Structure formats: structure tokens, C-alpha cells
Amino acid sequence: MKNYIIRDEERIAKIFSSLYNVPVGIRDYFYKIKVVELLLYLHAAEIDKTKNIKPYFYRSQIEKIKNLRTNCIMKLNQ
């Protein structure tokens, strides 16, 4: 399972904006409905798996590459 970032701010904003002004008496039921709405939205979202795939590198890997680069440059200067 891969993680994706969905940038559909308008629809997500509509789902979450209504969470702030809910009467106390119906709050639990309302939140349950919103969770179902969010799950339905995520299930129906079409994810283009070839679009905007950005590789993730761990910080330790990046630091190793930076150190290797620095060492190579220093060796060339000697």
C-alpha cells in the first residue's frame, strides 16, 4: 500500500468546515457521518498512480550522499 497526497482542497474543506459548529446533542452522530463521508470520498478518489510520483529518501541516505559528494570534491582538489 502506497501513501498519496490528494490535493482537492475544496471538497476536503467542505467536509471539515462543518465540524466546527455542531450542536452538542448531535455531535457524536454527526462526527460518525462525517467519518463515513470522508471514507467514501477517499474510496471514490481516482488516484493517477503515474502522476507526481516523487521518490522518498531517508535523511540518513541524503546525509551519506552529501558526505560522499563532499569527500569526492575534496579528493579532486588535492
PDB file of N, CA and C in Angstrom:
ATOM      1  N   MET A   1       0.845  -1.179   0.000  1.00  0.00           N
ATOM      2  CA  MET A   1       0.000   0.000   0.000  1.00  0.00           C
ATOM      3  C   MET A   1       0.887   1.238   0.000  1.00  0.00           C
ATOM      4  N   LYS A   2       0.618   2.143  -0.907  1.00  0.00           N
ATOM      5  CA  LYS A   2       1.405   3.368  -1.006  1.00  0.00           C
ATOM      6  C   LYS A   2       0.619   4.532  -0.440  1.00  0.00           C
ATOM      7  N   ASN A   3       1.353   5.510   0.024  1.00  0.00           N
ATOM      8  CA  ASN A   3       0.739   6.736   0.526  1.00  0.00           C
ATOM      9  C   ASN A   3       0.638   7.751  -0.601  1.00  0.00           C
ATOM     10  N   TYR A   4      -0.435   8.499  -0.610  1.00  0.00           N
ATOM     11  CA  TYR A   4      -0.649   9.525  -1.618  1.00  0.00           C
ATOM     12  C   TYR A   4      -1.125  10.798  -0.944  1.00  0.00           C
ATOM     13  N   ILE A   5      -0.845  11.903  -1.575  1.00  0.00           N
ATOM     14  CA  ILE A   5      -1.366  13.189  -1.135  1.00  0.00           C
ATOM     15  C   ILE A   5      -2.426  13.603  -2.142  1.00  0.00           C
ATOM     16  N   ILE A   6      -3.616  13.840  -1.655  1.00  0.00           N
ATOM     17  CA  ILE A   6      -4.713  14.248  -2.529  1.00  0.00           C
ATOM     18  C   ILE A   6      -4.912  15.742  -2.351  1.00  0.00           C
ATOM     19  N   ARG A   7      -4.770  16.470  -3.422  1.00  0.00           N
ATOM     20  CA  ARG A   7      -4.892  17.923  -3.352  1.00  0.00           C
ATOM     21  C   ARG A   7      -6.224  18.372  -3.955  1.00  0.00           C
ATOM     22  N   ASP A   8      -7.270  18.129  -3.224  1.00  0.00           N
ATOM     23  CA  ASP A   8      -8.605  18.574  -3.620  1.00  0.00           C
ATOM     24  C   ASP A   8      -9.132  19.403  -2.460  1.00  0.00           C
ATOM     25  N   GLU A   9      -8.562  20.567  -2.298  1.00  0.00           N
ATOM     26  CA  GLU A   9      -8.807  21.371  -1.111  1.00  0.00           C
ATOM     27  C   GLU A   9     -10.267  21.759  -0.940  1.00  0.00           C
ATOM     28  N   GLU A  10     -10.975  21.989  -2.017  1.00  0.00           N
ATOM     29  CA  GLU A  10     -12.359  22.448  -1.915  1.00  0.00           C
ATOM     30  C   GLU A  10     -13.269  21.381  -1.298  1.00  0.00           C
ATOM     31  N   ARG A  11     -13.184  20.161  -1.799  1.00  0.00           N
ATOM     32  CA  ARG A  11     -14.057  19.093  -1.264  1.00  0.00           C
ATOM     33  C   ARG A  11     -13.678  18.728   0.154  1.00  0.00           C
ATOM     34  N   ILE A  12     -12.393  18.650   0.427  1.00  0.00           N
ATOM     35  CA  ILE A  12     -11.945  18.321   1.786  1.00  0.00           C
ATOM     36  C   ILE A  12     -12.339  19.436   2.741  1.00  0.00           C
ATOM     37  N   ALA A  13     -12.197  20.676   2.310  1.00  0.00           N
ATOM     38  CA  ALA A  13     -12.567  21.818   3.155  1.00  0.00           C
ATOM     39  C   ALA A  13     -14.048  21.778   3.503  1.00  0.00           C
ATOM     40  N   LYS A  14     -14.889  21.384   2.556  1.00  0.00           N
ATOM     41  CA  LYS A  14     -16.327  21.289   2.825  1.00  0.00           C
ATOM     42  C   LYS A  14     -16.620  20.233   3.886  1.00  0.00           C
ATOM     43  N   ILE A  15     -15.903  19.130   3.811  1.00  0.00           N
ATOM     44  CA  ILE A  15     -16.124  18.065   4.791  1.00  0.00           C
ATOM     45  C   ILE A  15     -15.722  18.538   6.185  1.00  0.00           C
ATOM     46  N   PHE A  16     -14.566  19.174   6.297  1.00  0.00           N
ATOM     47  CA  PHE A  16     -14.056  19.550   7.614  1.00  0.00           C
ATOM     48  C   PHE A  16     -14.627  20.857   8.149  1.00  0.00           C
ATOM     49  N   SER A  17     -15.044  21.763   7.292  1.00  0.00           N
ATOM     50  CA  SER A  17     -15.527  23.061   7.775  1.00  0.00           C
ATOM     51  C   SER A  17     -16.796  22.926   8.606  1.00  0.00           C
ATOM     52  N   SER A  18     -17.601  21.946   8.294  1.00  0.00           N
ATOM     53  CA  SER A  18     -18.847  21.780   9.041  1.00  0.00           C
ATOM     54  C   SER A  18     -18.637  21.151  10.418  1.00  0.00           C
ATOM     55  N   LEU A  19     -17.431  20.734  10.737  1.00  0.00           N
ATOM     56  CA  LEU A  19     -17.173  20.099  12.032  1.00  0.00           C
ATOM     57  C   LEU A  19     -17.112  21.095  13.186  1.00  0.00           C
ATOM     58  N   TYR A  20     -16.981  22.369  12.887  1.00  0.00           N
ATOM     59  CA  TYR A  20     -16.726  23.353  13.930  1.00  0.00           C
ATOM     60  C   TYR A  20     -17.985  23.887  14.602  1.00  0.00           C
ATOM     61  N   ASN A  21     -19.132  23.810  13.974  1.00  0.00           N
ATOM     62  CA  ASN A  21     -20.359  24.388  14.528  1.00  0.00           C
ATOM     63  C   ASN A  21     -21.457  23.344  14.670  1.00  0.00           C
ATOM     64  N   VAL A  22     -21.169  22.300  15.394  1.00  0.00           N
ATOM     65  CA  VAL A  22     -22.130  21.214  15.557  1.00  0.00           C
ATOM     66  C   VAL A  22     -22.751  21.306  16.951  1.00  0.00           C
ATOM     67  N   PRO A  23     -24.073  21.282  17.035  1.00  0.00           N
ATOM     68  CA  PRO A  23     -24.714  21.285  18.353  1.00  0.00           C
ATOM     69  C   PRO A  23     -24.293  20.067  19.179  1.00  0.00           C
ATOM     70  N   VAL A  24     -24.133  20.271  20.463  1.00  0.00           N
ATOM     71  CA  VAL A  24     -23.627  19.222  21.347  1.00  0.00           C
ATOM     72  C   VAL A  24     -24.493  17.964  21.304  1.00  0.00           C
ATOM     73  N   GLY A  25     -25.784  18.115  21.206  1.00  0.00           N
ATOM     74  CA  GLY A  25     -26.695  16.972  21.245  1.00  0.00           C
ATOM     75  C   GLY A  25     -26.528  15.985  20.105  1.00  0.00           C
ATOM     76  N   ILE A  26     -26.065  16.437  18.968  1.00  0.00           N
ATOM     77  CA  ILE A  26     -25.924  15.541  17.807  1.00  0.00           C
ATOM     78  C   ILE A  26     -24.466  15.335  17.402  1.00  0.00           C
ATOM     79  N   ARG A  27     -23.552  15.846  18.213  1.00  0.00           N
ATOM     80  CA  ARG A  27     -22.130  15.831  17.841  1.00  0.00           C
ATOM     81  C   ARG A  27     -21.619  14.431  17.509  1.00  0.00           C
ATOM     82  N   ASP A  28     -21.881  13.444  18.361  1.00  0.00           N
ATOM     83  CA  ASP A  28     -21.361  12.090  18.114  1.00  0.00           C
ATOM     84  C   ASP A  28     -21.874  11.512  16.797  1.00  0.00           C
ATOM     85  N   TYR A  29     -23.164  11.642  16.555  1.00  0.00           N
ATOM     86  CA  TYR A  29     -23.748  11.122  15.310  1.00  0.00           C
ATOM     87  C   TYR A  29     -23.203  11.869  14.093  1.00  0.00           C
ATOM     88  N   PHE A  30     -23.090  13.170  14.244  1.00  0.00           N
ATOM     89  CA  PHE A  30     -22.605  14.000  13.141  1.00  0.00           C
ATOM     90  C   PHE A  30     -21.180  13.617  12.769  1.00  0.00           C
ATOM     91  N   TYR A  31     -20.321  13.416  13.783  1.00  0.00           N
ATOM     92  CA  TYR A  31     -18.931  13.040  13.518  1.00  0.00           C
ATOM     93  C   TYR A  31     -18.850  11.675  12.837  1.00  0.00           C
ATOM     94  N   LYS A  32     -19.709  10.756  13.247  1.00  0.00           N
ATOM     95  CA  LYS A  32     -19.724   9.436  12.600  1.00  0.00           C
ATOM     96  C   LYS A  32     -20.097   9.558  11.124  1.00  0.00           C
ATOM     97  N   ILE A  33     -21.071  10.404  10.843  1.00  0.00           N
ATOM     98  CA  ILE A  33     -21.474  10.626   9.450  1.00  0.00           C
ATOM     99  C   ILE A  33     -20.332  11.254   8.658  1.00  0.00           C
ATOM    100  N   LYS A  34     -19.623  12.201   9.257  1.00  0.00           N
ATOM    101  CA  LYS A  34     -18.505  12.855   8.566  1.00  0.00           C
ATOM    102  C   LYS A  34     -17.364  11.881   8.298  1.00  0.00           C
ATOM    103  N   VAL A  35     -17.123  10.957   9.227  1.00  0.00           N
ATOM    104  CA  VAL A  35     -16.089   9.940   9.002  1.00  0.00           C
ATOM    105  C   VAL A  35     -16.482   9.061   7.820  1.00  0.00           C
ATOM    106  N   VAL A  36     -17.741   8.662   7.758  1.00  0.00           N
ATOM    107  CA  VAL A  36     -18.217   7.859   6.625  1.00  0.00           C
ATOM    108  C   VAL A  36     -18.099   8.656   5.331  1.00  0.00           C
ATOM    109  N   GLU A  37     -18.452   9.942   5.383  1.00  0.00           N
ATOM    110  CA  GLU A  37     -18.342  10.795   4.197  1.00  0.00           C
ATOM    111  C   GLU A  37     -16.893  10.893   3.727  1.00  0.00           C
ATOM    112  N   LEU A  38     -15.975  11.050   4.665  1.00  0.00           N
ATOM    113  CA  LEU A  38     -14.555  11.133   4.311  1.00  0.00           C
ATOM    114  C   LEU A  38     -14.059   9.809   3.730  1.00  0.00           C
ATOM    115  N   LEU A  39     -14.452   8.700   4.335  1.00  0.00           N
ATOM    116  CA  LEU A  39     -14.053   7.393   3.809  1.00  0.00           C
ATOM    117  C   LEU A  39     -14.621   7.154   2.413  1.00  0.00           C
ATOM    118  N   LEU A  40     -15.853   7.558   2.199  1.00  0.00           N
ATOM    119  CA  LEU A  40     -16.466   7.426   0.874  1.00  0.00           C
ATOM    120  C   LEU A  40     -15.724   8.281  -0.148  1.00  0.00           C
ATOM    121  N   TYR A  41     -15.374   9.497   0.244  1.00  0.00           N
ATOM    122  CA  TYR A  41     -14.618  10.381  -0.647  1.00  0.00           C
ATOM    123  C   TYR A  41     -13.273   9.750  -1.006  1.00  0.00           C
ATOM    124  N   LEU A  42     -12.567   9.229  -0.005  1.00  0.00           N
ATOM    125  CA  LEU A  42     -11.259   8.622  -0.260  1.00  0.00           C
ATOM    126  C   LEU A  42     -11.386   7.367  -1.117  1.00  0.00           C
ATOM    127  N   HIS A  43     -12.437   6.610  -0.903  1.00  0.00           N
ATOM    128  CA  HIS A  43     -12.657   5.401  -1.702  1.00  0.00           C
ATOM    129  C   HIS A  43     -12.942   5.748  -3.163  1.00  0.00           C
ATOM    130  N   ALA A  44     -13.693   6.812  -3.380  1.00  0.00           N
ATOM    131  CA  ALA A  44     -14.079   7.198  -4.737  1.00  0.00           C
ATOM    132  C   ALA A  44     -13.007   8.016  -5.451  1.00  0.00           C
ATOM    133  N   ALA A  45     -12.027   8.503  -4.711  1.00  0.00           N
ATOM    134  CA  ALA A  45     -10.992   9.351  -5.317  1.00  0.00           C
ATOM    135  C   ALA A  45     -10.205   8.547  -6.341  1.00  0.00           C
ATOM    136  N   GLU A  46     -10.061   9.120  -7.500  1.00  0.00           N
ATOM    137  CA  GLU A  46      -9.278   8.480  -8.552  1.00  0.00           C
ATOM    138  C   GLU A  46      -7.842   8.959  -8.432  1.00  0.00           C
ATOM    139  N   ILE A  47      -6.972   8.028  -8.178  1.00  0.00           N
ATOM    140  CA  ILE A  47      -5.567   8.364  -7.985  1.00  0.00           C
ATOM    141  C   ILE A  47      -4.797   7.952  -9.225  1.00  0.00           C
ATOM    142  N   ASP A  48      -4.202   8.923  -9.862  1.00  0.00           N
ATOM    143  CA  ASP A  48      -3.361   8.655 -11.022  1.00  0.00           C
ATOM    144  C   ASP A  48      -1.997   8.229 -10.493  1.00  0.00           C
ATOM    145  N   LYS A  49      -1.718   6.948 -10.559  1.00  0.00           N
ATOM    146  CA  LYS A  49      -0.507   6.406  -9.950  1.00  0.00           C
ATOM    147  C   LYS A  49       0.764   6.789 -10.692  1.00  0.00           C
ATOM    148  N   THR A  50       0.630   7.322 -11.890  1.00  0.00           N
ATOM    149  CA  THR A  50       1.818   7.718 -12.637  1.00  0.00           C
ATOM    150  C   THR A  50       2.095   9.204 -12.510  1.00  0.00           C
ATOM    151  N   LYS A  51       1.177   9.934 -11.910  1.00  0.00           N
ATOM    152  CA  LYS A  51       1.304  11.386 -11.825  1.00  0.00           C
ATOM    153  C   LYS A  51       1.955  11.782 -10.501  1.00  0.00           C
ATOM    154  N   ASN A  52       2.912  12.652 -10.599  1.00  0.00           N
ATOM    155  CA  ASN A  52       3.551  13.233  -9.420  1.00  0.00           C
ATOM    156  C   ASN A  52       4.120  12.207  -8.450  1.00  0.00           C
ATOM    157  N   ILE A  53       4.699  11.163  -8.978  1.00  0.00           N
ATOM    158  CA  ILE A  53       5.353  10.201  -8.099  1.00  0.00           C
ATOM    159  C   ILE A  53       6.727  10.759  -7.759  1.00  0.00           C
ATOM    160  N   LYS A  54       6.892  11.036  -6.492  1.00  0.00           N
ATOM    161  CA  LYS A  54       8.157  11.591  -6.029  1.00  0.00           C
ATOM    162  C   LYS A  54       8.809  10.573  -5.104  1.00  0.00           C
ATOM    163  N   PRO A  55      10.036  10.214  -5.396  1.00  0.00           N
ATOM    164  CA  PRO A  55      10.690   9.238  -4.523  1.00  0.00           C
ATOM    165  C   PRO A  55      10.952   9.841  -3.147  1.00  0.00           C
ATOM    166  N   TYR A  56      10.899   9.011  -2.136  1.00  0.00           N
ATOM    167  CA  TYR A  56      11.177   9.460  -0.778  1.00  0.00           C
ATOM    168  C   TYR A  56      12.525   8.900  -0.368  1.00  0.00           C
ATOM    169  N   PHE A  57      13.371   9.749   0.148  1.00  0.00           N
ATOM    170  CA  PHE A  57      14.676   9.335   0.625  1.00  0.00           C
ATOM    171  C   PHE A  57      14.770   9.638   2.111  1.00  0.00           C
ATOM    172  N   TYR A  58      15.306   8.707   2.854  1.00  0.00           N
ATOM    173  CA  TYR A  58      15.512   8.931   4.276  1.00  0.00           C
ATOM    174  C   TYR A  58      16.628   9.942   4.477  1.00  0.00           C
ATOM    175  N   ARG A  59      16.527  10.675   5.572  1.00  0.00           N
ATOM    176  CA  ARG A  59      17.535  11.693   5.885  1.00  0.00           C
ATOM    177  C   ARG A  59      18.932  11.083   5.951  1.00  0.00           C
ATOM    178  N   SER A  60      19.043   9.887   6.509  1.00  0.00           N
ATOM    179  CA  SER A  60      20.352   9.238   6.621  1.00  0.00           C
ATOM    180  C   SER A  60      20.952   8.975   5.240  1.00  0.00           C
ATOM    181  N   GLN A  61      20.109   8.601   4.272  1.00  0.00           N
ATOM    182  CA  GLN A  61      20.597   8.375   2.911  1.00  0.00           C
ATOM    183  C   GLN A  61      21.087   9.683   2.289  1.00  0.00           C
ATOM    184  N   ILE A  62      20.347  10.743   2.506  1.00  0.00           N
ATOM    185  CA  ILE A  62      20.729  12.043   1.951  1.00  0.00           C
ATOM    186  C   ILE A  62      22.044  12.511   2.550  1.00  0.00           C
ATOM    187  N   GLU A  63      22.189  12.339   3.862  1.00  0.00           N
ATOM    188  CA  GLU A  63      23.433  12.749   4.525  1.00  0.00           C
ATOM    189  C   GLU A  63      24.622  11.950   3.995  1.00  0.00           C
ATOM    190  N   LYS A  64      24.440  10.668   3.764  1.00  0.00           N
ATOM    191  CA  LYS A  64      25.526   9.842   3.225  1.00  0.00           C
ATOM    192  C   LYS A  64      25.945  10.333   1.839  1.00  0.00           C
ATOM    193  N   ILE A  65      24.976  10.642   0.994  1.00  0.00           N
ATOM    194  CA  ILE A  65      25.277  11.132  -0.355  1.00  0.00           C
ATOM    195  C   ILE A  65      25.977  12.483  -0.291  1.00  0.00           C
ATOM    196  N   LYS A  66      25.520  13.360   0.591  1.00  0.00           N
ATOM    197  CA  LYS A  66      26.162  14.671   0.737  1.00  0.00           C
ATOM    198  C   LYS A  66      27.599  14.522   1.214  1.00  0.00           C
ATOM    199  N   ASN A  67      27.820  13.622   2.159  1.00  0.00           N
ATOM    200  CA  ASN A  67      29.186  13.384   2.640  1.00  0.00           C
ATOM    201  C   ASN A  67      30.062  12.795   1.541  1.00  0.00           C
ATOM    202  N   LEU A  68      29.515  11.886   0.770  1.00  0.00           N
ATOM    203  CA  LEU A  68      30.256  11.295  -0.343  1.00  0.00           C
ATOM    204  C   LEU A  68      30.625  12.360  -1.364  1.00  0.00           C
ATOM    205  N   ARG A  69      29.699  13.226  -1.677  1.00  0.00           N
ATOM    206  CA  ARG A  69      29.948  14.325  -2.620  1.00  0.00           C
ATOM    207  C   ARG A  69      31.061  15.235  -2.109  1.00  0.00           C
ATOM    208  N   THR A  70      30.961  15.607  -0.832  1.00  0.00           N
ATOM    209  CA  THR A  70      31.983  16.472  -0.234  1.00  0.00           C
ATOM    210  C   THR A  70      33.349  15.808  -0.287  1.00  0.00           C
ATOM    211  N   ASN A  71      33.418  14.526   0.043  1.00  0.00           N
ATOM    212  CA  ASN A  71      34.691  13.803   0.004  1.00  0.00           C
ATOM    213  C   ASN A  71      35.247  13.720  -1.412  1.00  0.00           C
ATOM    214  N   CYS A  72      34.396  13.496  -2.388  1.00  0.00           N
ATOM    215  CA  CYS A  72      34.853  13.427  -3.782  1.00  0.00           C
ATOM    216  C   CYS A  72      35.410  14.774  -4.235  1.00  0.00           C
ATOM    217  N   ILE A  73      34.742  15.843  -3.871  1.00  0.00           N
ATOM    218  CA  ILE A  73      35.219  17.179  -4.248  1.00  0.00           C
ATOM    219  C   ILE A  73      36.548  17.479  -3.578  1.00  0.00           C
ATOM    220  N   MET A  74      36.687  17.084  -2.321  1.00  0.00           N
ATOM    221  CA  MET A  74      37.947  17.322  -1.606  1.00  0.00           C
ATOM    222  C   MET A  74      39.084  16.539  -2.249  1.00  0.00           C
ATOM    223  N   LYS A  75      38.817  15.309  -2.674  1.00  0.00           N
ATOM    224  CA  LYS A  75      39.841  14.484  -3.328  1.00  0.00           C
ATOM    225  C   LYS A  75      40.271  15.109  -4.655  1.00  0.00           C
ATOM    226  N   LEU A  76      39.320  15.692  -5.385  1.00  0.00           N
ATOM    227  CA  LEU A  76      39.650  16.329  -6.658  1.00  0.00           C
ATOM    228  C   LEU A  76      40.518  17.568  -6.454  1.00  0.00           C
ATOM    229  N   ASN A  77      40.324  18.254  -5.357  1.00  0.00           N
ATOM    230  CA  ASN A  77      41.082  19.473  -5.085  1.00  0.00           C
ATOM    231  C   ASN A  77      42.494  19.193  -4.595  1.00  0.00           C
ATOM    232  N   GLN A  78      42.800  17.969  -4.226  1.00  0.00           N
ATOM    233  CA  GLN A  78      44.141  17.645  -3.714  1.00  0.00           C
ATOM    234  C   GLN A  78      45.127  17.410  -4.830  1.00  0.00           C
TER     235      GLN A  78
END
